[in-house]
Amino acid sequence: HDYYSNSMRPELRGNALPFCMQPEFCSFEKAETRIQEP
């Protein structure tokens, strides 16, 4: 279900890897954004 939901989003700009569509990765990315880590 998560894969379907994420895969239907518009393509990310640049050469972003498919890894960014993993549910665990997306939640990590949001956490990184919250703490403003460079």
All heavy atoms as atom14 arrays in JSON, in Angstrom:
{
  "sequence": "HDYYSNSMRPELRGNALPFCMQPEFCSFEKAETRIQEP",
  "atom14_mask": [
    [1, 1, 1, 1, 1, 1, 1, 1, 1, 1, 0, 0, 0, 0],
    [1, 1, 1, 1, 1, 1, 1, 1, 0, 0, 0, 0, 0, 0],
    [1, 1, 1, 1, 1, 1, 1, 1, 1, 1, 1, 1, 0, 0],
    [1, 1, 1, 1, 1, 1, 1, 1, 1, 1, 1, 1, 0, 0],
    [1, 1, 1, 1, 1, 1, 0, 0, 0, 0, 0, 0, 0, 0],
    [1, 1, 1, 1, 1, 1, 1, 1, 0, 0, 0, 0, 0, 0],
    [1, 1, 1, 1, 1, 1, 0, 0, 0, 0, 0, 0, 0, 0],
    [1, 1, 1, 1, 1, 1, 1, 1, 0, 0, 0, 0, 0, 0],
    [1, 1, 1, 1, 1, 1, 1, 1, 1, 1, 1, 0, 0, 0],
    [1, 1, 1, 1, 1, 1, 1, 0, 0, 0, 0, 0, 0, 0],
    [1, 1, 1, 1, 1, 1, 1, 1, 1, 0, 0, 0, 0, 0],
    [1, 1, 1, 1, 1, 1, 1, 1, 0, 0, 0, 0, 0, 0],
    [1, 1, 1, 1, 1, 1, 1, 1, 1, 1, 1, 0, 0, 0],
    [1, 1, 1, 1, 0, 0, 0, 0, 0, 0, 0, 0, 0, 0],
    [1, 1, 1, 1, 1, 1, 1, 1, 0, 0, 0, 0, 0, 0],
    [1, 1, 1, 1, 1, 0, 0, 0, 0, 0, 0, 0, 0, 0],
    [1, 1, 1, 1, 1, 1, 1, 1, 0, 0, 0, 0, 0, 0],
    [1, 1, 1, 1, 1, 1, 1, 0, 0, 0, 0, 0, 0, 0],
    [1, 1, 1, 1, 1, 1, 1, 1, 1, 1, 1, 0, 0, 0],
    [1, 1, 1, 1, 1, 1, 0, 0, 0, 0, 0, 0, 0, 0],
    [1, 1, 1, 1, 1, 1, 1, 1, 0, 0, 0, 0, 0, 0],
    [1, 1, 1, 1, 1, 1, 1, 1, 1, 0, 0, 0, 0, 0],
    [1, 1, 1, 1, 1, 1, 1, 0, 0, 0, 0, 0, 0, 0],
    [1, 1, 1, 1, 1, 1, 1, 1, 1, 0, 0, 0, 0, 0],
    [1, 1, 1, 1, 1, 1, 1, 1, 1, 1, 1, 0, 0, 0],
    [1, 1, 1, 1, 1, 1, 0, 0, 0, 0, 0, 0, 0, 0],
    [1, 1, 1, 1, 1, 1, 0, 0, 0, 0, 0, 0, 0, 0],
    [1, 1, 1, 1, 1, 1, 1, 1, 1, 1, 1, 0, 0, 0],
    [1, 1, 1, 1, 1, 1, 1, 1, 1, 0, 0, 0, 0, 0],
    [1, 1, 1, 1, 1, 1, 1, 1, 1, 0, 0, 0, 0, 0],
    [1, 1, 1, 1, 1, 0, 0, 0, 0, 0, 0, 0, 0, 0],
    [1, 1, 1, 1, 1, 1, 1, 1, 1, 0, 0, 0, 0, 0],
    [1, 1, 1, 1, 1, 1, 1, 0, 0, 0, 0, 0, 0, 0],
    [1, 1, 1, 1, 1, 1, 1, 1, 1, 1, 1, 0, 0, 0],
    [1, 1, 1, 1, 1, 1, 1, 1, 0, 0, 0, 0, 0, 0],
    [1, 1, 1, 1, 1, 1, 1, 1, 1, 0, 0, 0, 0, 0],
    [1, 1, 1, 1, 1, 1, 1, 1, 1, 0, 0, 0, 0, 0],
    [1, 1, 1, 1, 1, 1, 1, 0, 0, 0, 0, 0, 0, 0]
  ],
  "atom14_positions": [
    [[0.84, -1.21, 0.0], [0.0, 0.0, 0.0], [0.87, 1.25, 0.0], [0.64, 2.19, -0.76], [-0.91, 0.0, 1.23], [-1.76, 1.24, 1.34], [-1.33, 2.34, 2.06], [-2.97, 1.55, 0.82], [-2.26, 3.29, 1.97], [-3.26, 2.84, 1.23], [0.0, 0.0, 0.0], [0.0, 0.0, 0.0], [0.0, 0.0, 0.0], [0.0, 0.0, 0.0]],
    [[1.9, 1.27, 0.87], [2.79, 2.42, 0.93], [3.54, 2.6, -0.38], [3.77, 3.72, -0.85], [3.8, 2.26, 2.08], [3.12, 2.41, 3.44], [2.05, 3.03, 3.49], [3.67, 1.89, 4.43], [0.0, 0.0, 0.0], [0.0, 0.0, 0.0], [0.0, 0.0, 0.0], [0.0, 0.0, 0.0], [0.0, 0.0, 0.0], [0.0, 0.0, 0.0]],
    [[3.93, 1.47, -0.97], [4.67, 1.51, -2.23], [3.81, 2.12, -3.33], [4.24, 2.99, -4.08], [5.1, 0.09, -2.61], [5.87, 0.0, -3.9], [7.24, 0.25, -3.92], [5.25, -0.34, -5.1], [7.97, 0.16, -5.09], [5.97, -0.42, -6.27], [7.34, -0.18, -6.27], [8.04, -0.27, -7.43], [0.0, 0.0, 0.0], [0.0, 0.0, 0.0]],
    [[2.56, 1.65, -3.42], [1.63, 2.21, -4.4], [1.48, 3.71, -4.2], [1.55, 4.5, -5.13], [0.25, 1.55, -4.25], [-0.02, 0.46, -5.25], [-0.51, -0.78, -4.82], [0.19, 0.66, -6.61], [-0.77, -1.79, -5.74], [-0.08, -0.35, -7.53], [-0.57, -1.57, -7.09], [-0.83, -2.56, -7.98], [0.0, 0.0, 0.0], [0.0, 0.0, 0.0]],
    [[1.25, 4.13, -2.95], [0.98, 5.54, -2.64], [2.17, 6.4, -3.03], [2.03, 7.45, -3.64], [0.69, 5.7, -1.14], [-0.46, 4.95, -0.79], [0.0, 0.0, 0.0], [0.0, 0.0, 0.0], [0.0, 0.0, 0.0], [0.0, 0.0, 0.0], [0.0, 0.0, 0.0], [0.0, 0.0, 0.0], [0.0, 0.0, 0.0], [0.0, 0.0, 0.0]],
    [[3.38, 5.96, -2.65], [4.57, 6.75, -2.93], [4.93, 6.73, -4.4], [5.45, 7.71, -4.93], [5.74, 6.23, -2.1], [5.61, 6.57, -0.64], [5.3, 7.7, -0.29], [5.81, 5.59, 0.23], [0.0, 0.0, 0.0], [0.0, 0.0, 0.0], [0.0, 0.0, 0.0], [0.0, 0.0, 0.0], [0.0, 0.0, 0.0], [0.0, 0.0, 0.0]],
    [[4.69, 5.59, -5.08], [5.06, 5.46, -6.48], [4.19, 6.31, -7.39], [4.57, 6.64, -8.5], [4.98, 4.0, -6.93], [5.91, 3.21, -6.24], [0.0, 0.0, 0.0], [0.0, 0.0, 0.0], [0.0, 0.0, 0.0], [0.0, 0.0, 0.0], [0.0, 0.0, 0.0], [0.0, 0.0, 0.0], [0.0, 0.0, 0.0], [0.0, 0.0, 0.0]],
    [[2.98, 6.65, -6.95], [2.09, 7.43, -7.78], [2.35, 8.93, -7.68], [1.75, 9.72, -8.37], [0.63, 7.15, -7.39], [0.21, 5.73, -7.68], [0.53, 5.28, -9.41], [0.16, 3.52, -9.36], [0.0, 0.0, 0.0], [0.0, 0.0, 0.0], [0.0, 0.0, 0.0], [0.0, 0.0, 0.0], [0.0, 0.0, 0.0], [0.0, 0.0, 0.0]],
    [[3.29, 9.32, -6.81], [3.62, 10.73, -6.7], [4.4, 11.17, -7.94], [5.05, 10.37, -8.58], [4.5, 10.99, -5.46], [3.78, 10.75, -4.16], [4.69, 11.07, -3.01], [5.93, 10.32, -3.1], [6.97, 10.55, -2.33], [6.94, 11.52, -1.46], [8.06, 9.83, -2.44], [0.0, 0.0, 0.0], [0.0, 0.0, 0.0], [0.0, 0.0, 0.0]],
    [[4.4, 12.47, -8.28], [5.22, 12.94, -9.41], [6.68, 12.64, -9.14], [7.13, 12.59, -8.0], [4.96, 14.47, -9.41], [3.66, 14.64, -8.7], [3.61, 13.53, -7.67], [0.0, 0.0, 0.0], [0.0, 0.0, 0.0], [0.0, 0.0, 0.0], [0.0, 0.0, 0.0], [0.0, 0.0, 0.0], [0.0, 0.0, 0.0], [0.0, 0.0, 0.0]],
    [[7.45, 12.43, -10.23], [8.87, 12.12, -10.1], [9.59, 13.28, -9.41], [9.32, 14.45, -9.65], [9.49, 11.91, -11.49], [9.05, 10.62, -12.14], [9.67, 9.41, -11.44], [10.67, 9.58, -10.74], [9.14, 8.31, -11.59], [0.0, 0.0, 0.0], [0.0, 0.0, 0.0], [0.0, 0.0, 0.0], [0.0, 0.0, 0.0], [0.0, 0.0, 0.0]],
    [[10.55, 12.93, -8.57], [11.37, 13.95, -7.93], [12.34, 14.53, -8.96], [12.77, 13.85, -9.87], [12.16, 13.32, -6.77], [11.31, 12.78, -5.63], [12.22, 12.09, -4.63], [10.53, 13.88, -4.96], [0.0, 0.0, 0.0], [0.0, 0.0, 0.0], [0.0, 0.0, 0.0], [0.0, 0.0, 0.0], [0.0, 0.0, 0.0], [0.0, 0.0, 0.0]],
    [[12.68, 15.79, -8.77], [13.65, 16.39, -9.69], [15.03, 15.81, -9.45], [15.36, 15.36, -8.36], [13.7, 17.9, -9.48], [12.44, 18.61, -9.95], [12.59, 20.1, -9.73], [12.76, 20.41, -8.3], [13.14, 21.58, -7.85], [13.4, 22.55, -8.69], [13.26, 21.8, -6.56], [0.0, 0.0, 0.0], [0.0, 0.0, 0.0], [0.0, 0.0, 0.0]],
    [[15.86, 15.85, -10.5], [17.23, 15.37, -10.36], [17.31, 13.87, -10.44], [16.42, 13.2, -10.95], [0.0, 0.0, 0.0], [0.0, 0.0, 0.0], [0.0, 0.0, 0.0], [0.0, 0.0, 0.0], [0.0, 0.0, 0.0], [0.0, 0.0, 0.0], [0.0, 0.0, 0.0], [0.0, 0.0, 0.0], [0.0, 0.0, 0.0], [0.0, 0.0, 0.0]],
    [[18.41, 13.32, -9.92], [18.67, 11.89, -10.02], [18.42, 11.19, -8.69], [19.22, 10.37, -8.26], [20.12, 11.65, -10.47], [20.37, 12.23, -11.86], [19.51, 12.12, -12.72], [21.53, 12.85, -12.05], [0.0, 0.0, 0.0], [0.0, 0.0, 0.0], [0.0, 0.0, 0.0], [0.0, 0.0, 0.0], [0.0, 0.0, 0.0], [0.0, 0.0, 0.0]],
    [[17.33, 11.54, -8.02], [17.02, 10.91, -6.72], [16.82, 9.43, -6.91], [16.19, 8.98, -7.85], [15.76, 11.54, -6.14], [0.0, 0.0, 0.0], [0.0, 0.0, 0.0], [0.0, 0.0, 0.0], [0.0, 0.0, 0.0], [0.0, 0.0, 0.0], [0.0, 0.0, 0.0], [0.0, 0.0, 0.0], [0.0, 0.0, 0.0], [0.0, 0.0, 0.0]],
    [[17.38, 8.64, -5.99], [17.28, 7.18, -6.09], [15.91, 6.68, -5.68], [15.21, 7.33, -4.92], [18.33, 6.54, -5.16], [19.77, 6.66, -5.63], [20.67, 6.06, -4.57], [19.99, 5.95, -6.94], [0.0, 0.0, 0.0], [0.0, 0.0, 0.0], [0.0, 0.0, 0.0], [0.0, 0.0, 0.0], [0.0, 0.0, 0.0], [0.0, 0.0, 0.0]],
    [[15.53, 5.5, -6.18], [14.25, 4.92, -5.77], [14.17, 4.66, -4.27], [13.1, 4.48, -3.74], [14.2, 3.6, -6.54], [15.15, 3.77, -7.67], [16.22, 4.7, -7.16], [0.0, 0.0, 0.0], [0.0, 0.0, 0.0], [0.0, 0.0, 0.0], [0.0, 0.0, 0.0], [0.0, 0.0, 0.0], [0.0, 0.0, 0.0], [0.0, 0.0, 0.0]],
    [[15.32, 4.63, -3.57], [15.3, 4.38, -2.13], [14.41, 5.38, -1.4], [13.84, 5.08, -0.38], [16.71, 4.49, -1.54], [17.62, 3.36, -1.91], [18.83, 3.6, -2.54], [17.25, 2.06, -1.64], [19.66, 2.56, -2.87], [18.09, 1.02, -1.96], [19.29, 1.27, -2.59], [0.0, 0.0, 0.0], [0.0, 0.0, 0.0], [0.0, 0.0, 0.0]],
    [[14.27, 6.6, -1.96], [13.53, 7.63, -1.25], [12.05, 7.32, -1.22], [11.29, 8.0, -0.55], [13.77, 9.01, -1.86], [13.1, 9.19, -3.52], [0.0, 0.0, 0.0], [0.0, 0.0, 0.0], [0.0, 0.0, 0.0], [0.0, 0.0, 0.0], [0.0, 0.0, 0.0], [0.0, 0.0, 0.0], [0.0, 0.0, 0.0], [0.0, 0.0, 0.0]],
    [[11.61, 6.28, -1.95], [10.2, 5.91, -1.92], [9.9, 4.9, -0.83], [8.77, 4.51, -0.62], [9.78, 5.34, -3.28], [9.7, 6.41, -4.36], [9.12, 5.76, -5.92], [10.52, 4.83, -6.46], [0.0, 0.0, 0.0], [0.0, 0.0, 0.0], [0.0, 0.0, 0.0], [0.0, 0.0, 0.0], [0.0, 0.0, 0.0], [0.0, 0.0, 0.0]],
    [[10.94, 4.42, -0.13], [10.69, 3.47, 0.93], [10.03, 4.17, 2.11], [10.46, 5.25, 2.52], [11.99, 2.82, 1.41], [12.61, 1.92, 0.37], [13.61, 1.0, 0.99], [13.33, 0.4, 2.02], [14.76, 0.86, 0.39], [0.0, 0.0, 0.0], [0.0, 0.0, 0.0], [0.0, 0.0, 0.0], [0.0, 0.0, 0.0], [0.0, 0.0, 0.0]],
    [[8.99, 3.55, 2.69], [8.31, 4.17, 3.84], [9.27, 4.53, 4.96], [9.21, 5.61, 5.53], [7.32, 3.09, 4.28], [7.07, 2.31, 3.04], [8.37, 2.31, 2.28], [0.0, 0.0, 0.0], [0.0, 0.0, 0.0], [0.0, 0.0, 0.0], [0.0, 0.0, 0.0], [0.0, 0.0, 0.0], [0.0, 0.0, 0.0], [0.0, 0.0, 0.0]],
    [[10.21, 3.64, 5.27], [11.14, 3.9, 6.37], [12.05, 5.07, 6.04], [12.39, 5.88, 6.89], [11.96, 2.65, 6.69], [12.79, 2.17, 5.5], [13.69, 1.01, 5.88], [13.67, 0.63, 7.05], [14.4, 0.52, 5.01], [0.0, 0.0, 0.0], [0.0, 0.0, 0.0], [0.0, 0.0, 0.0], [0.0, 0.0, 0.0], [0.0, 0.0, 0.0]],
    [[12.43, 5.21, 4.77], [13.31, 6.28, 4.38], [12.58, 7.62, 4.44], [13.13, 8.61, 4.88], [13.85, 6.04, 2.97], [14.75, 7.13, 2.47], [16.08, 7.18, 2.85], [14.25, 8.14, 1.66], [16.9, 8.2, 2.41], [15.07, 9.15, 1.23], [16.4, 9.18, 1.6], [0.0, 0.0, 0.0], [0.0, 0.0, 0.0], [0.0, 0.0, 0.0]],
    [[11.33, 7.64, 3.96], [10.56, 8.87, 3.94], [10.37, 9.41, 5.36], [10.47, 10.61, 5.6], [9.22, 8.65, 3.27], [9.36, 8.34, 1.49], [0.0, 0.0, 0.0], [0.0, 0.0, 0.0], [0.0, 0.0, 0.0], [0.0, 0.0, 0.0], [0.0, 0.0, 0.0], [0.0, 0.0, 0.0], [0.0, 0.0, 0.0], [0.0, 0.0, 0.0]],
    [[10.08, 8.54, 6.31], [9.89, 8.99, 7.68], [11.19, 9.51, 8.26], [11.21, 10.48, 9.0], [9.36, 7.84, 8.55], [10.27, 6.78, 8.59], [0.0, 0.0, 0.0], [0.0, 0.0, 0.0], [0.0, 0.0, 0.0], [0.0, 0.0, 0.0], [0.0, 0.0, 0.0], [0.0, 0.0, 0.0], [0.0, 0.0, 0.0], [0.0, 0.0, 0.0]],
    [[12.32, 8.9, 7.86], [13.62, 9.38, 8.32], [13.89, 10.76, 7.75], [14.36, 11.66, 8.45], [14.71, 8.4, 7.87], [16.11, 8.94, 8.02], [16.73, 8.95, 9.26], [16.79, 9.44, 6.93], [18.03, 9.45, 9.39], [18.07, 9.93, 7.05], [18.68, 9.94, 8.29], [0.0, 0.0, 0.0], [0.0, 0.0, 0.0], [0.0, 0.0, 0.0]],
    [[13.57, 10.93, 6.46], [13.82, 12.21, 5.79], [13.04, 13.32, 6.49], [13.55, 14.41, 6.71], [13.4, 12.09, 4.33], [13.77, 13.3, 3.49], [13.4, 13.08, 2.04], [12.39, 12.42, 1.79], [14.15, 13.57, 1.18], [0.0, 0.0, 0.0], [0.0, 0.0, 0.0], [0.0, 0.0, 0.0], [0.0, 0.0, 0.0], [0.0, 0.0, 0.0]],
    [[11.79, 13.05, 6.89], [11.0, 14.05, 7.59], [11.61, 14.38, 8.94], [11.65, 15.53, 9.36], [9.58, 13.54, 7.76], [8.8, 13.43, 6.45], [7.46, 12.75, 6.66], [6.72, 12.55, 5.33], [5.47, 11.81, 5.51], [0.0, 0.0, 0.0], [0.0, 0.0, 0.0], [0.0, 0.0, 0.0], [0.0, 0.0, 0.0], [0.0, 0.0, 0.0]],
    [[12.1, 13.36, 9.63], [12.73, 13.59, 10.94], [13.97, 14.45, 10.78], [14.22, 15.35, 11.57], [13.07, 12.25, 11.59], [0.0, 0.0, 0.0], [0.0, 0.0, 0.0], [0.0, 0.0, 0.0], [0.0, 0.0, 0.0], [0.0, 0.0, 0.0], [0.0, 0.0, 0.0], [0.0, 0.0, 0.0], [0.0, 0.0, 0.0], [0.0, 0.0, 0.0]],
    [[14.77, 14.17, 9.72], [15.97, 14.97, 9.49], [15.6, 16.43, 9.24], [16.28, 17.34, 9.69], [16.73, 14.41, 8.28], [17.38, 13.06, 8.54], [18.49, 13.18, 9.56], [19.52, 13.81, 9.28], [18.34, 12.65, 10.66], [0.0, 0.0, 0.0], [0.0, 0.0, 0.0], [0.0, 0.0, 0.0], [0.0, 0.0, 0.0], [0.0, 0.0, 0.0]],
    [[14.5, 16.65, 8.5], [14.07, 18.01, 8.2], [13.67, 18.74, 9.48], [13.98, 19.91, 9.66], [12.89, 17.98, 7.23], [13.28, 17.28, 6.04], [12.45, 19.39, 6.87], [0.0, 0.0, 0.0], [0.0, 0.0, 0.0], [0.0, 0.0, 0.0], [0.0, 0.0, 0.0], [0.0, 0.0, 0.0], [0.0, 0.0, 0.0], [0.0, 0.0, 0.0]],
    [[13.01, 18.03, 10.38], [12.54, 18.66, 11.62], [13.7, 19.17, 12.46], [13.61, 20.22, 13.08], [11.7, 17.66, 12.43], [10.3, 17.48, 11.88], [9.43, 16.84, 12.94], [9.92, 15.55, 13.38], [9.57, 14.41, 12.81], [8.75, 14.4, 11.77], [10.03, 13.27, 13.26], [0.0, 0.0, 0.0], [0.0, 0.0, 0.0], [0.0, 0.0, 0.0]],
    [[14.8, 18.4, 12.5], [15.91, 18.83, 13.35], [16.9, 19.71, 12.6], [17.92, 20.11, 13.13], [16.65, 17.61, 13.96], [17.26, 16.74, 12.85], [15.72, 16.78, 14.81], [18.11, 15.59, 13.38], [0.0, 0.0, 0.0], [0.0, 0.0, 0.0], [0.0, 0.0, 0.0], [0.0, 0.0, 0.0], [0.0, 0.0, 0.0], [0.0, 0.0, 0.0]],
    [[16.59, 20.02, 11.32], [17.4, 20.94, 10.53], [18.86, 20.52, 10.46], [19.76, 21.34, 10.55], [17.29, 22.36, 11.13], [15.89, 22.92, 11.11], [15.34, 23.11, 9.7], [16.0, 23.69, 8.86], [14.15, 22.61, 9.45], [0.0, 0.0, 0.0], [0.0, 0.0, 0.0], [0.0, 0.0, 0.0], [0.0, 0.0, 0.0], [0.0, 0.0, 0.0]],
    [[19.12, 19.24, 10.3], [20.5, 18.78, 10.16], [20.98, 19.08, 8.74], [20.3, 18.75, 7.78], [20.59, 17.27, 10.41], [22.01, 16.73, 10.28], [22.07, 15.25, 10.57], [21.05, 14.67, 10.95], [23.16, 14.68, 10.41], [0.0, 0.0, 0.0], [0.0, 0.0, 0.0], [0.0, 0.0, 0.0], [0.0, 0.0, 0.0], [0.0, 0.0, 0.0]],
    [[22.14, 19.73, 8.58], [22.63, 20.02, 7.23], [22.93, 18.72, 6.48], [23.54, 17.8, 7.02], [23.91, 20.83, 7.49], [24.33, 20.47, 8.88], [23.05, 20.22, 9.63], [0.0, 0.0, 0.0], [0.0, 0.0, 0.0], [0.0, 0.0, 0.0], [0.0, 0.0, 0.0], [0.0, 0.0, 0.0], [0.0, 0.0, 0.0], [0.0, 0.0, 0.0]]
  ]
}
